[in-house]
Amino acid sequence: MSSETNSQASSTTGADAVDEAIAKGIDLDGSPIPEAKLSLYQKVMGLEAGRQRSGVSNTMRSRIVRIGAKHIAQEELNQMLIGADFVPLKEKEIAFYYGSK
């Protein structure tokens, strides 16, 4: 794989790819992100940055459920949560993330 191709692949994959693209103001396809979208995003993220946190474990669980539901079957994710001593999937999470599947 050429370094150009490798650079392109690494810039569109991984957990930080979107954050890096937003910081540059350039979408993953190379097109500019419209200023109105960037401005709104920055405003909302600024509000989120000032929000009091409830704890690292709660945030970790929330991210695991939100992202895990995209990749892991409901029962498997539920068992993984239980195995890691997190609260199992809640009915509202099941309905939201798995209801239409």
N, C-alpha and C. Protein backbone atom coordinates (compact mmCIF):
# COMPACT_ATOMS: atom_id res chain seq x y z
N MET A 1 0.85 -1.17 0.00
CA MET A 1 0.00 0.00 0.00
C MET A 1 0.89 1.23 0.00
N SER A 2 0.63 2.18 -0.88
CA SER A 2 1.45 3.39 -0.94
C SER A 2 1.20 4.24 0.29
N SER A 3 2.14 5.14 0.58
CA SER A 3 1.97 5.99 1.76
C SER A 3 0.78 6.91 1.59
N GLU A 4 0.48 7.31 0.34
CA GLU A 4 -0.68 8.17 0.10
C GLU A 4 -1.96 7.40 0.40
N THR A 5 -2.05 6.17 -0.08
CA THR A 5 -3.23 5.35 0.19
C THR A 5 -3.33 5.06 1.67
N ASN A 6 -2.22 4.72 2.31
CA ASN A 6 -2.20 4.44 3.73
C ASN A 6 -2.62 5.67 4.53
N SER A 7 -2.15 6.85 4.12
CA SER A 7 -2.52 8.09 4.79
C SER A 7 -4.02 8.35 4.66
N GLN A 8 -4.57 8.11 3.48
CA GLN A 8 -6.01 8.29 3.27
C GLN A 8 -6.80 7.32 4.13
N ALA A 9 -6.38 6.05 4.18
CA ALA A 9 -7.10 5.06 4.97
C ALA A 9 -7.05 5.41 6.45
N SER A 10 -5.90 5.83 6.94
CA SER A 10 -5.80 6.14 8.36
C SER A 10 -6.55 7.41 8.71
N SER A 11 -6.76 8.30 7.74
CA SER A 11 -7.48 9.53 8.04
C SER A 11 -8.99 9.35 8.03
N THR A 12 -9.49 8.19 7.59
CA THR A 12 -10.93 7.97 7.56
C THR A 12 -11.36 6.81 8.44
N THR A 13 -10.44 6.27 9.23
CA THR A 13 -10.79 5.18 10.12
C THR A 13 -10.37 5.51 11.55
N GLY A 14 -10.89 4.75 12.46
CA GLY A 14 -10.51 4.94 13.85
C GLY A 14 -11.39 5.94 14.57
N ALA A 15 -11.27 5.92 15.88
CA ALA A 15 -12.14 6.73 16.72
C ALA A 15 -11.93 8.24 16.55
N ASP A 16 -10.76 8.65 16.15
CA ASP A 16 -10.46 10.08 16.06
C ASP A 16 -10.64 10.68 14.67
N ALA A 17 -10.97 9.86 13.68
CA ALA A 17 -11.03 10.34 12.30
C ALA A 17 -12.00 11.50 12.13
N VAL A 18 -13.18 11.39 12.70
CA VAL A 18 -14.19 12.44 12.55
C VAL A 18 -13.76 13.71 13.28
N ASP A 19 -13.23 13.56 14.49
CA ASP A 19 -12.77 14.73 15.25
C ASP A 19 -11.66 15.46 14.50
N GLU A 20 -10.73 14.71 13.92
CA GLU A 20 -9.65 15.32 13.17
C GLU A 20 -10.18 16.05 11.94
N ALA A 21 -11.14 15.45 11.26
CA ALA A 21 -11.72 16.09 10.07
C ALA A 21 -12.45 17.37 10.46
N ILE A 22 -13.21 17.33 11.55
CA ILE A 22 -13.94 18.52 12.00
C ILE A 22 -12.95 19.63 12.35
N ALA A 23 -11.87 19.29 13.05
CA ALA A 23 -10.86 20.28 13.43
C ALA A 23 -10.25 20.95 12.20
N LYS A 24 -10.11 20.20 11.12
CA LYS A 24 -9.56 20.73 9.87
C LYS A 24 -10.63 21.44 9.04
N GLY A 25 -11.90 21.20 9.36
CA GLY A 25 -12.99 21.79 8.58
C GLY A 25 -13.18 21.11 7.24
N ILE A 26 -12.71 19.86 7.15
CA ILE A 26 -12.78 19.13 5.88
C ILE A 26 -13.40 17.76 6.13
N ASP A 27 -14.43 17.42 5.35
CA ASP A 27 -15.11 16.14 5.49
C ASP A 27 -14.17 15.01 5.10
N LEU A 28 -14.54 13.78 5.45
CA LEU A 28 -13.69 12.63 5.16
C LEU A 28 -13.47 12.42 3.67
N ASP A 29 -14.38 12.92 2.84
CA ASP A 29 -14.21 12.80 1.39
C ASP A 29 -13.38 13.93 0.81
N GLY A 30 -12.90 14.85 1.66
CA GLY A 30 -12.05 15.95 1.22
C GLY A 30 -12.78 17.25 0.94
N SER A 31 -14.10 17.22 0.97
CA SER A 31 -14.87 18.43 0.71
C SER A 31 -14.93 19.29 1.98
N PRO A 32 -15.02 20.61 1.79
CA PRO A 32 -15.09 21.48 2.97
C PRO A 32 -16.42 21.32 3.70
N ILE A 33 -16.36 21.43 5.03
CA ILE A 33 -17.58 21.39 5.84
C ILE A 33 -18.12 22.81 5.87
N PRO A 34 -19.40 23.02 5.51
CA PRO A 34 -19.96 24.38 5.51
C PRO A 34 -19.84 25.06 6.88
N GLU A 35 -19.55 26.33 6.87
CA GLU A 35 -19.32 27.09 8.10
C GLU A 35 -20.51 27.02 9.05
N ALA A 36 -21.73 27.05 8.53
CA ALA A 36 -22.91 26.99 9.40
C ALA A 36 -22.94 25.68 10.18
N LYS A 37 -22.56 24.58 9.55
CA LYS A 37 -22.53 23.29 10.24
C LYS A 37 -21.43 23.26 11.29
N LEU A 38 -20.25 23.77 10.94
CA LEU A 38 -19.15 23.82 11.90
C LEU A 38 -19.51 24.68 13.10
N SER A 39 -20.12 25.82 12.84
CA SER A 39 -20.47 26.75 13.90
C SER A 39 -21.48 26.13 14.87
N LEU A 40 -22.52 25.50 14.33
CA LEU A 40 -23.51 24.85 15.18
C LEU A 40 -22.88 23.72 15.98
N TYR A 41 -22.05 22.92 15.34
CA TYR A 41 -21.38 21.83 16.03
C TYR A 41 -20.54 22.36 17.19
N GLN A 42 -19.76 23.41 16.93
CA GLN A 42 -18.90 23.99 17.96
C GLN A 42 -19.72 24.56 19.11
N LYS A 43 -20.86 25.17 18.80
CA LYS A 43 -21.73 25.72 19.85
C LYS A 43 -22.25 24.60 20.75
N VAL A 44 -22.77 23.54 20.15
CA VAL A 44 -23.32 22.43 20.92
C VAL A 44 -22.23 21.71 21.70
N MET A 45 -21.07 21.50 21.09
CA MET A 45 -19.97 20.83 21.79
C MET A 45 -19.45 21.71 22.94
N GLY A 46 -19.52 23.02 22.79
CA GLY A 46 -19.14 23.92 23.88
C GLY A 46 -20.09 23.77 25.06
N LEU A 47 -21.37 23.62 24.79
CA LEU A 47 -22.35 23.38 25.85
C LEU A 47 -22.06 22.04 26.55
N GLU A 48 -21.77 21.03 25.75
CA GLU A 48 -21.48 19.71 26.29
C GLU A 48 -20.21 19.73 27.14
N ALA A 49 -19.23 20.50 26.72
CA ALA A 49 -17.97 20.58 27.46
C ALA A 49 -18.17 21.15 28.86
N GLY A 50 -19.19 22.00 29.02
CA GLY A 50 -19.45 22.61 30.31
C GLY A 50 -20.39 21.82 31.20
N ARG A 51 -20.88 20.68 30.71
CA ARG A 51 -21.85 19.88 31.47
C ARG A 51 -21.14 19.08 32.56
N GLN A 52 -21.73 19.05 33.74
CA GLN A 52 -21.20 18.25 34.85
C GLN A 52 -21.27 16.77 34.49
N ARG A 53 -20.23 16.05 34.74
CA ARG A 53 -20.17 14.62 34.44
C ARG A 53 -20.63 13.79 35.63
N SER A 54 -21.17 12.62 35.32
CA SER A 54 -21.68 11.76 36.38
C SER A 54 -20.69 10.67 36.77
N GLY A 55 -19.59 10.59 36.10
CA GLY A 55 -18.57 9.60 36.43
C GLY A 55 -18.06 8.89 35.19
N VAL A 56 -16.86 8.42 35.28
CA VAL A 56 -16.22 7.77 34.14
C VAL A 56 -16.93 6.47 33.77
N SER A 57 -17.29 5.67 34.75
CA SER A 57 -17.95 4.39 34.45
C SER A 57 -19.26 4.59 33.70
N ASN A 58 -20.04 5.60 34.09
CA ASN A 58 -21.30 5.87 33.38
C ASN A 58 -21.04 6.28 31.94
N THR A 59 -20.02 7.11 31.74
CA THR A 59 -19.69 7.55 30.39
C THR A 59 -19.17 6.38 29.56
N MET A 60 -18.33 5.55 30.16
CA MET A 60 -17.83 4.37 29.44
C MET A 60 -18.98 3.47 29.02
N ARG A 61 -19.91 3.20 29.93
CA ARG A 61 -21.04 2.33 29.62
C ARG A 61 -21.88 2.92 28.49
N SER A 62 -22.13 4.22 28.58
CA SER A 62 -22.91 4.89 27.55
C SER A 62 -22.27 4.74 26.18
N ARG A 63 -20.97 4.94 26.11
CA ARG A 63 -20.26 4.81 24.83
C ARG A 63 -20.25 3.37 24.35
N ILE A 64 -20.07 2.43 25.28
CA ILE A 64 -20.08 1.01 24.91
C ILE A 64 -21.42 0.64 24.30
N VAL A 65 -22.51 1.08 24.92
CA VAL A 65 -23.85 0.75 24.41
C VAL A 65 -24.09 1.43 23.07
N ARG A 66 -23.80 2.72 22.99
CA ARG A 66 -24.06 3.48 21.76
C ARG A 66 -23.29 2.92 20.57
N ILE A 67 -22.04 2.64 20.77
CA ILE A 67 -21.20 2.16 19.67
C ILE A 67 -21.33 0.64 19.52
N GLY A 68 -21.38 -0.07 20.63
CA GLY A 68 -21.48 -1.52 20.58
C GLY A 68 -22.74 -2.00 19.87
N ALA A 69 -23.83 -1.26 20.02
CA ALA A 69 -25.09 -1.66 19.38
C ALA A 69 -24.98 -1.65 17.85
N LYS A 70 -24.04 -0.90 17.31
CA LYS A 70 -23.83 -0.87 15.86
C LYS A 70 -23.13 -2.13 15.37
N HIS A 71 -22.41 -2.80 16.26
CA HIS A 71 -21.53 -3.88 15.85
C HIS A 71 -21.82 -5.23 16.50
N ILE A 72 -22.56 -5.22 17.61
CA ILE A 72 -22.72 -6.43 18.42
C ILE A 72 -24.20 -6.72 18.61
N ALA A 73 -24.57 -7.98 18.49
CA ALA A 73 -25.96 -8.39 18.70
C ALA A 73 -26.39 -8.06 20.13
N GLN A 74 -27.68 -7.81 20.29
CA GLN A 74 -28.24 -7.38 21.58
C GLN A 74 -27.87 -8.29 22.74
N GLU A 75 -28.13 -9.57 22.63
CA GLU A 75 -27.87 -10.49 23.74
C GLU A 75 -26.38 -10.58 24.04
N GLU A 76 -25.56 -10.57 23.00
CA GLU A 76 -24.11 -10.63 23.21
C GLU A 76 -23.61 -9.37 23.93
N LEU A 77 -24.08 -8.21 23.49
CA LEU A 77 -23.68 -6.96 24.16
C LEU A 77 -24.16 -6.95 25.60
N ASN A 78 -25.38 -7.40 25.82
CA ASN A 78 -25.91 -7.45 27.18
C ASN A 78 -25.03 -8.34 28.07
N GLN A 79 -24.65 -9.50 27.58
CA GLN A 79 -23.81 -10.41 28.36
C GLN A 79 -22.42 -9.81 28.59
N MET A 80 -21.91 -9.09 27.60
CA MET A 80 -20.61 -8.44 27.76
C MET A 80 -20.68 -7.36 28.85
N LEU A 81 -21.76 -6.59 28.86
CA LEU A 81 -21.94 -5.57 29.90
C LEU A 81 -21.98 -6.21 31.28
N ILE A 82 -22.78 -7.25 31.41
CA ILE A 82 -22.90 -7.95 32.70
C ILE A 82 -21.54 -8.52 33.11
N GLY A 83 -20.84 -9.13 32.18
CA GLY A 83 -19.54 -9.72 32.47
C GLY A 83 -18.50 -8.70 32.92
N ALA A 84 -18.67 -7.45 32.49
CA ALA A 84 -17.75 -6.39 32.88
C ALA A 84 -18.27 -5.61 34.09
N ASP A 85 -19.32 -6.11 34.71
CA ASP A 85 -19.92 -5.51 35.90
C ASP A 85 -20.54 -4.13 35.62
N PHE A 86 -21.09 -3.98 34.42
CA PHE A 86 -21.90 -2.80 34.08
C PHE A 86 -23.37 -3.17 34.22
N VAL A 87 -24.21 -2.17 34.30
CA VAL A 87 -25.66 -2.38 34.30
C VAL A 87 -26.03 -2.99 32.94
N PRO A 88 -26.89 -4.02 32.92
CA PRO A 88 -27.32 -4.60 31.65
C PRO A 88 -28.10 -3.58 30.81
N LEU A 89 -28.34 -3.93 29.57
CA LEU A 89 -29.11 -3.05 28.69
C LEU A 89 -30.47 -2.74 29.31
N LYS A 90 -30.84 -1.49 29.22
CA LYS A 90 -32.14 -1.05 29.74
C LYS A 90 -33.17 -1.18 28.61
N GLU A 91 -34.44 -1.32 28.98
CA GLU A 91 -35.50 -1.48 27.98
C GLU A 91 -35.50 -0.35 26.96
N LYS A 92 -35.29 0.88 27.41
CA LYS A 92 -35.30 2.02 26.47
C LYS A 92 -34.11 1.95 25.51
N GLU A 93 -32.97 1.43 25.97
CA GLU A 93 -31.81 1.26 25.08
C GLU A 93 -32.08 0.17 24.06
N ILE A 94 -32.68 -0.92 24.49
CA ILE A 94 -33.02 -2.00 23.58
C ILE A 94 -33.98 -1.50 22.51
N ALA A 95 -35.01 -0.77 22.94
CA ALA A 95 -35.99 -0.24 21.98
C ALA A 95 -35.32 0.73 21.01
N PHE A 96 -34.45 1.58 21.50
CA PHE A 96 -33.82 2.60 20.66
C PHE A 96 -32.80 1.98 19.69
N TYR A 97 -31.91 1.17 20.22
CA TYR A 97 -30.81 0.65 19.40
C TYR A 97 -31.15 -0.62 18.64
N TYR A 98 -32.07 -1.41 19.15
CA TYR A 98 -32.35 -2.70 18.53
C TYR A 98 -33.79 -2.83 18.05
N GLY A 99 -34.64 -1.86 18.35
CA GLY A 99 -36.06 -1.95 18.04
C GLY A 99 -36.41 -2.15 16.58
N SER A 100 -35.67 -1.55 15.68
CA SER A 100 -36.02 -1.62 14.26
C SER A 100 -35.20 -2.65 13.51
N LYS A 101 -34.40 -3.44 14.23
CA LYS A 101 -33.54 -4.42 13.55
C LYS A 101 -34.26 -5.73 13.38
